[in-house]
Every structure is written in structure tokens, then in C-alpha cells.
Amino acid sequence: MKTQTVSTQPAGPYLTGASRRQRRRHRRFDRVLKRVVDIVGSFLGIILLSPLILTVVMLVIVVDGTPIIYRRRVLGVSGGFDAYKFRTMRRDADALLAADTALLDAFKSNFKLRTDPRVTRLGSWLRKYSCDELPQLFNVLKGQMSLVGPRIITAEELSKYGPYQDLLLTVKPGLTGYWQVRGRQNVSYEERVRMDVTYITNWSLSLDFLILLQTPAKVIQTEGAF
């Protein structure tokens, strides 16, 4: 599949007033259509993937008990919200991280640990194939997230975006996105920021559909997953 090339430079700096108004109308229509795609896509995803979702629910209960869902407090367009994930960590994960200074320092540098002792054996498998993120389809259906968008981040991570903090919060975070199909955890945090900014400044429906088409293969390949 041919990869779409995007520019990090704003498009159309010399548009006339009429052209700007026309572009704004087109953008508004595209964003309405994006929401329609989100609603239809998340609803169909929940229906079609319900056997897998129910299987994961049973596995988590049998292997690791409750709670089944982990609520991660993240930032969105309208403020903070709870992003749903299947629980992949031990129940004492927060205490374990707080008690280990070296582990906490490593986590703060990238907000991700390549070898995370808090992750359960089942959780490691769920993360490998992104099954832990299936409950976020409900976040998309509720309008808190989009099928495609920048990464979901916590309030503590926002400072990593420097001058792009306000830009990041103008769009909904995505279940998948530009960085997920271009390396995921294999890229540095600075590169993730650049990819998010690139996606936001070059957003189009065609780019969203391209990312959606590329996502299943990336999930199956488990590229950059840990």
C-alpha cells in the first residue's frame, strides 16, 4: 500500500477571504462526517467484536479477577475523561511504581516501560495485540474519543508537547492514529509529539481512512507493541 506523504507546514497561507470561508465550510462538513464515521464505526465495532470482547472479559475474571476495566484519566477537547481499558496490570501497580524510584524515573522519561513488572502475563498478551484497548470503542461512541486521532495522554504528559499543548487539545484523541501505524512504542516521545502535530495540522478524511486501513495489519504484526 502506498504511504501518504504529509507536510508539517500549514496549507494555503495566501487564500482569499472567499476561499477561507469556503474552506471553513468544507472543514465543518468534514468534521461532522468524521463524527458520523466514529458513531457508525464504533457501533459496528462493538457488535462485530462482541465475541472477542466477552472472551477477554471472561479471561480477565478467571485469570486475574476483578476489576475488569481500568479507567485511565486522560485529556480531551472538553477536559478530562476516563479512557476505558481492560486491566492489564496487577492490582497494586500504582504502589509498586511509587515504591521503586528507578522504575518511577524510567516511567516519567517516556510514560511507558518496555519491561514493566506491573503487567500480568495475560495483560502482556492483551497489550501485544491491542485487545486491552477494545473498551475505548465505547469512549468513541460517547464522543470522548475518535476512531483516528492523536495519542491519548494524561495531564502529566501535556508538558511534553511544549508550544503544541493548545493545538493537541483542539482534537479528540484516537483509538488509532498516525503514530500507531508508524512505529508505536519504537519511536521516542519527541517523535510521537512530532507525529501528533503532523496529523493535526494535515488532517483530512482521506488521511483518517488511510490510517484505518493500515491499522489491522500493524496490530497483527504487533509492530512496536509492548
Protein backbone atom coordinates (compact mmCIF):
# COMPACT_ATOMS: atom_id res chain seq x y z
CA MET A 1 0.00 0.00 0.00
CA LYS A 2 1.35 3.38 -0.95
CA THR A 3 2.11 5.60 2.05
CA GLN A 4 0.54 9.05 2.02
CA THR A 5 3.03 11.87 2.37
CA VAL A 6 2.04 14.73 4.62
CA SER A 7 3.60 18.11 5.22
CA THR A 8 4.26 19.73 8.58
CA GLN A 9 3.69 23.17 7.02
CA PRO A 10 0.25 24.85 7.17
CA ALA A 11 -1.55 24.69 3.85
CA GLY A 12 -2.81 27.64 1.89
CA PRO A 13 -1.26 30.73 3.53
CA TYR A 14 -2.43 33.11 0.76
CA LEU A 15 -6.12 32.21 0.49
CA THR A 16 -8.63 34.93 -0.34
CA GLY A 17 -11.46 35.76 2.08
CA ALA A 18 -13.99 33.80 0.00
CA SER A 19 -11.64 30.83 -0.23
CA ARG A 20 -11.11 30.86 3.52
CA ARG A 21 -14.88 30.85 4.14
CA GLN A 22 -15.31 28.01 1.68
CA ARG A 23 -12.52 26.05 3.33
CA ARG A 24 -14.07 26.59 6.77
CA ARG A 25 -17.40 25.27 5.48
CA HIS A 26 -15.69 22.23 3.99
CA ARG A 27 -13.81 21.60 7.23
CA ARG A 28 -17.00 21.83 9.28
CA PHE A 29 -18.71 19.36 6.95
CA ASP A 30 -15.70 17.02 7.11
CA ARG A 31 -15.72 17.11 10.92
CA VAL A 32 -19.45 16.33 11.01
CA LEU A 33 -18.78 13.42 8.64
CA LYS A 34 -15.87 12.32 10.86
CA ARG A 35 -18.26 12.12 13.81
CA VAL A 36 -20.73 10.10 11.74
CA VAL A 37 -17.93 7.69 10.84
CA ASP A 38 -16.98 7.48 14.52
CA ILE A 39 -20.53 6.64 15.60
CA VAL A 40 -21.13 4.07 12.87
CA GLY A 41 -17.63 2.59 13.13
CA SER A 42 -17.60 2.25 16.92
CA PHE A 43 -21.13 0.82 17.00
CA LEU A 44 -20.31 -1.77 14.33
CA GLY A 45 -17.00 -2.49 16.04
CA ILE A 46 -18.73 -3.21 19.35
CA ILE A 47 -21.26 -5.51 17.65
CA LEU A 48 -18.79 -7.37 15.43
CA LEU A 49 -16.11 -7.69 18.12
CA SER A 50 -18.54 -8.55 20.94
CA PRO A 51 -17.47 -12.26 20.98
CA LEU A 52 -13.82 -11.18 21.41
CA ILE A 53 -14.75 -8.54 24.00
CA LEU A 54 -16.76 -11.07 26.03
CA THR A 55 -13.93 -13.61 25.75
CA VAL A 56 -11.43 -11.10 27.13
CA VAL A 57 -13.84 -10.21 29.95
CA MET A 58 -14.06 -13.88 30.96
CA LEU A 59 -10.29 -14.35 30.70
CA VAL A 60 -9.57 -11.37 32.94
CA ILE A 61 -12.09 -12.61 35.54
CA VAL A 62 -10.84 -16.21 35.51
CA VAL A 63 -7.11 -15.48 35.33
CA ASP A 64 -6.80 -12.27 37.29
CA GLY A 65 -10.13 -11.47 38.92
CA THR A 66 -11.70 -8.05 39.17
CA PRO A 67 -11.71 -5.18 38.39
CA ILE A 68 -12.03 -5.92 34.69
CA ILE A 69 -11.82 -2.34 33.43
CA TYR A 70 -9.07 0.14 34.21
CA ARG A 71 -10.09 3.78 33.93
CA ARG A 72 -7.20 5.96 32.82
CA ARG A 73 -7.78 9.68 33.39
CA VAL A 74 -6.75 11.46 30.20
CA LEU A 75 -7.19 14.81 28.46
CA GLY A 76 -9.72 15.58 25.74
CA VAL A 77 -11.24 18.50 23.88
CA SER A 78 -13.74 19.22 26.66
CA GLY A 79 -11.44 18.47 29.59
CA GLY A 80 -10.52 15.26 31.35
CA PHE A 81 -12.34 11.93 30.92
CA ASP A 82 -11.83 8.27 31.79
CA ALA A 83 -10.46 6.21 28.90
CA TYR A 84 -11.51 2.60 29.32
CA LYS A 85 -9.06 -0.28 29.01
CA PHE A 86 -9.10 -3.90 30.05
CA ARG A 87 -6.95 -4.14 33.17
CA THR A 88 -3.51 -5.48 32.25
CA MET A 89 -1.64 -4.68 35.48
CA ARG A 90 -1.51 -6.04 38.99
CA ARG A 91 -3.95 -4.51 41.46
CA ASP A 92 -1.04 -2.97 43.39
CA ALA A 93 0.55 -1.46 40.25
CA ASP A 94 0.48 2.15 41.49
CA ALA A 95 2.02 1.24 44.84
CA LEU A 96 4.70 -0.85 43.13
CA LEU A 97 5.66 2.06 40.87
CA ALA A 98 5.74 4.57 43.73
CA ALA A 99 7.94 2.29 45.84
CA ASP A 100 10.61 1.81 43.14
CA THR A 101 12.49 5.06 42.48
CA ALA A 102 14.41 3.73 39.46
CA LEU A 103 11.23 2.36 37.91
CA LEU A 104 9.39 5.63 38.55
CA ASP A 105 12.19 7.69 36.96
CA ALA A 106 12.22 5.44 33.89
CA PHE A 107 8.46 5.74 33.59
CA LYS A 108 8.48 9.55 33.84
CA SER A 109 11.01 9.87 31.00
CA ASN A 110 8.78 8.13 28.44
CA PHE A 111 5.49 7.40 30.26
CA LYS A 112 5.93 3.80 29.16
CA LEU A 113 8.14 0.94 30.31
CA ARG A 114 9.49 -1.55 27.80
CA THR A 115 9.81 -4.17 30.55
CA ASP A 116 7.09 -3.42 33.07
CA PRO A 117 6.96 -5.70 36.13
CA ARG A 118 3.44 -4.45 36.89
CA VAL A 119 1.95 -6.08 33.78
CA THR A 120 0.36 -9.51 34.24
CA ARG A 121 1.03 -12.42 31.88
CA LEU A 122 -2.46 -12.11 30.42
CA GLY A 123 -2.06 -8.34 30.29
CA SER A 124 1.13 -8.69 28.26
CA TRP A 125 -0.72 -10.74 25.64
CA LEU A 126 -3.66 -8.30 25.57
CA ARG A 127 -1.28 -5.38 25.04
CA LYS A 128 0.66 -7.19 22.34
CA TYR A 129 -2.45 -7.44 20.16
CA SER A 130 -4.06 -4.18 21.40
CA CYS A 131 -7.01 -6.12 22.83
CA ASP A 132 -6.75 -4.07 26.04
CA GLU A 133 -7.95 -1.01 24.10
CA LEU A 134 -11.21 -2.53 22.82
CA PRO A 135 -13.32 -0.85 25.57
CA GLN A 136 -12.29 2.51 24.10
CA LEU A 137 -14.84 1.84 21.35
CA PHE A 138 -17.35 2.95 24.00
CA ASN A 139 -15.35 6.19 24.51
CA VAL A 140 -15.63 6.78 20.76
CA LEU A 141 -19.36 6.09 20.78
CA LYS A 142 -19.78 8.54 23.68
CA GLY A 143 -17.95 11.26 21.72
CA GLN A 144 -14.94 11.48 24.03
CA MET A 145 -12.57 9.92 21.50
CA SER A 146 -12.37 9.39 17.75
CA LEU A 147 -11.51 6.27 15.79
CA VAL A 148 -8.47 8.16 14.49
CA GLY A 149 -6.64 10.94 16.30
CA PRO A 150 -3.55 11.83 18.31
CA ARG A 151 -2.48 9.68 21.25
CA ILE A 152 -4.42 9.79 24.48
CA ILE A 153 -2.29 11.44 27.15
CA THR A 154 -2.53 12.21 30.85
CA ALA A 155 -2.27 15.70 32.35
CA GLU A 156 1.29 14.87 33.44
CA GLU A 157 2.32 14.26 29.82
CA LEU A 158 0.95 17.53 28.43
CA SER A 159 4.16 19.47 29.19
CA LYS A 160 5.99 17.15 26.76
CA TYR A 161 4.13 18.92 23.92
CA GLY A 162 5.71 22.30 24.68
CA PRO A 163 4.30 25.00 22.36
CA TYR A 164 1.85 22.49 20.86
CA GLN A 165 -0.16 21.89 24.05
CA ASP A 166 -3.13 24.00 22.97
CA LEU A 167 -3.06 22.51 19.46
CA LEU A 168 -3.23 18.98 20.85
CA LEU A 169 -6.39 19.76 22.81
CA THR A 170 -8.27 21.02 19.73
CA VAL A 171 -8.99 17.47 18.55
CA LYS A 172 -10.21 14.27 20.16
CA PRO A 173 -7.63 11.60 20.92
CA GLY A 174 -7.86 8.50 18.77
CA LEU A 175 -8.25 4.77 19.22
CA THR A 176 -5.64 4.56 16.49
CA GLY A 177 -3.59 7.25 14.80
CA TYR A 178 -0.63 8.45 12.80
CA TRP A 179 1.97 7.29 15.31
CA GLN A 180 0.34 3.88 15.84
CA VAL A 181 0.85 2.91 12.20
CA ARG A 182 4.38 4.35 12.11
CA GLY A 183 6.26 2.62 14.88
CA ARG A 184 4.15 2.93 18.04
CA GLN A 185 6.41 2.37 21.05
CA ASN A 186 9.55 2.02 18.91
CA VAL A 187 9.79 5.80 18.46
CA SER A 188 10.92 8.37 21.02
CA TYR A 189 8.45 10.57 22.86
CA GLU A 190 9.71 13.59 20.89
CA GLU A 191 8.94 11.74 17.66
CA ARG A 192 5.47 10.88 18.94
CA VAL A 193 4.85 14.57 19.56
CA ARG A 194 6.02 15.44 16.04
CA MET A 195 3.71 12.79 14.57
CA ASP A 196 0.71 14.07 16.55
CA VAL A 197 1.39 17.64 15.38
CA THR A 198 1.81 16.43 11.80
CA TYR A 199 -1.51 14.59 11.96
CA ILE A 200 -3.43 17.56 13.41
CA THR A 201 -2.02 20.15 11.01
CA ASN A 202 -2.55 17.91 7.97
CA TRP A 203 -5.81 16.26 8.97
CA SER A 204 -8.21 15.08 6.30
CA LEU A 205 -10.80 12.36 5.98
CA SER A 206 -8.62 10.59 3.43
CA LEU A 207 -5.74 10.51 5.93
CA ASP A 208 -8.09 9.02 8.55
CA PHE A 209 -9.26 6.30 6.16
CA LEU A 210 -5.66 5.50 5.20
CA ILE A 211 -4.73 5.10 8.88
CA LEU A 212 -7.80 2.91 9.49
CA LEU A 213 -6.84 0.69 6.56
CA GLN A 214 -3.27 0.30 7.83
CA THR A 215 -4.17 -0.35 11.48
CA PRO A 216 -5.31 -4.04 11.32
CA ALA A 217 -2.05 -5.15 9.68
CA LYS A 218 0.00 -3.24 12.25
CA VAL A 219 -1.95 -4.85 15.09
CA ILE A 220 -1.49 -8.35 13.66
CA GLN A 221 2.22 -7.71 13.11
CA THR A 222 2.47 -6.43 16.73
CA GLU A 223 4.94 -3.83 15.47
CA GLY A 224 6.14 -1.58 18.30
CA ALA A 225 3.82 -3.20 20.84
CA PHE A 226 4.88 -3.81 24.44
